[in-house]
Each structure stands twice: as structure tokens, then as C-alpha cells.
């Protein structure tokens, strides 16, 4: 089993002056295909709150 994620497709979903959203079709290391969304922001501090099945995830970068 290859331990890397593989990007199989990509599409620009939304763009404005503050951020860009892309949807990527990826294959996980276990071989399962999923859609992965990435948000690109030109400013140095961004946080994203994802809610899934009563779980919270906060991702930030600086």
C-alpha cells in the first residue's frame, strides 16, 4: 500500500478578493477516493472550524 495521498482531479469552486476554494478529488493512502476541499488565503492567520458527527476541528496557520 502506498502511504501517500494522490490528487486525481482539481476544480476551482469559489474565488473572491479574500480567499479561493478548490475541490480536489484525492485517493487516500488506503485507496479510498474522497473529495477534499482546500481554502487558500493570502493573509497570515486563518482558522477553519469543521463540524462533523459532533466533532470539532480547528485548523490554523500563521
Protein backbone atom coordinates (compact mmCIF):
# COMPACT_ATOMS: atom_id res chain seq x y z
CA UNK A 1 0.00 0.00 0.00
CA UNK A 2 1.36 3.42 -0.98
CA UNK A 3 1.40 5.75 2.06
CA UNK A 4 0.85 8.97 0.08
CA UNK A 5 -2.33 10.82 -0.81
CA UNK A 6 -2.78 11.10 -4.57
CA UNK A 7 -4.52 14.06 -6.22
CA UNK A 8 -6.57 12.80 -9.17
CA UNK A 9 -8.52 15.95 -10.12
CA UNK A 10 -8.97 19.57 -9.11
CA UNK A 11 -11.57 22.26 -9.67
CA UNK A 12 -11.86 25.91 -8.68
CA UNK A 13 -15.09 26.20 -6.68
CA UNK A 14 -15.12 29.80 -5.49
CA UNK A 15 -12.90 32.87 -5.67
CA UNK A 16 -13.15 36.38 -4.21
CA UNK A 17 -10.62 39.01 -3.06
CA UNK A 18 -10.20 37.31 0.35
CA UNK A 19 -9.91 33.58 -0.39
CA UNK A 20 -10.00 30.80 -3.00
CA UNK A 21 -11.78 27.45 -2.54
CA UNK A 22 -10.76 24.38 -4.54
CA UNK A 23 -12.25 20.89 -4.57
CA UNK A 24 -9.74 18.09 -5.10
CA UNK A 25 -10.54 14.51 -5.95
CA UNK A 26 -7.99 12.54 -3.94
CA UNK A 27 -7.20 8.92 -3.20
CA UNK A 28 -6.31 8.31 0.45
CA UNK A 29 -3.38 6.07 1.45
CA UNK A 30 -5.86 3.20 1.99
CA UNK A 31 -7.04 3.55 -1.63
CA UNK A 32 -10.42 5.12 -0.80
CA UNK A 33 -11.39 8.08 -3.07
CA UNK A 34 -12.78 11.23 -1.43
CA UNK A 35 -13.41 14.90 -2.18
CA UNK A 36 -11.09 17.23 -0.30
CA UNK A 37 -11.66 20.97 -0.11
CA UNK A 38 -8.81 23.41 0.32
CA UNK A 39 -9.08 27.09 1.18
CA UNK A 40 -6.23 29.41 0.24
CA UNK A 41 -6.00 32.76 1.96
CA UNK A 42 -3.27 35.37 1.31
CA UNK A 43 -3.29 36.72 4.87
CA UNK A 44 -1.01 35.18 7.53
CA UNK A 45 -3.61 33.97 10.07
CA UNK A 46 -6.63 31.83 9.16
CA UNK A 47 -8.76 29.42 11.18
CA UNK A 48 -11.30 26.91 9.90
CA UNK A 49 -13.89 25.22 12.07
CA UNK A 50 -15.22 21.93 10.67
CA UNK A 51 -18.16 20.18 12.32
CA UNK A 52 -18.76 16.52 11.53
CA UNK A 53 -20.68 13.99 13.58
CA UNK A 54 -20.46 16.05 16.79
CA UNK A 55 -16.72 16.59 16.39
CA UNK A 56 -14.98 19.94 16.11
CA UNK A 57 -11.69 20.58 14.36
CA UNK A 58 -9.85 23.89 14.36
CA UNK A 59 -7.08 24.37 11.84
CA UNK A 60 -4.95 27.47 11.87
CA UNK A 61 -1.82 28.65 10.17
CA UNK A 62 0.46 31.58 10.63
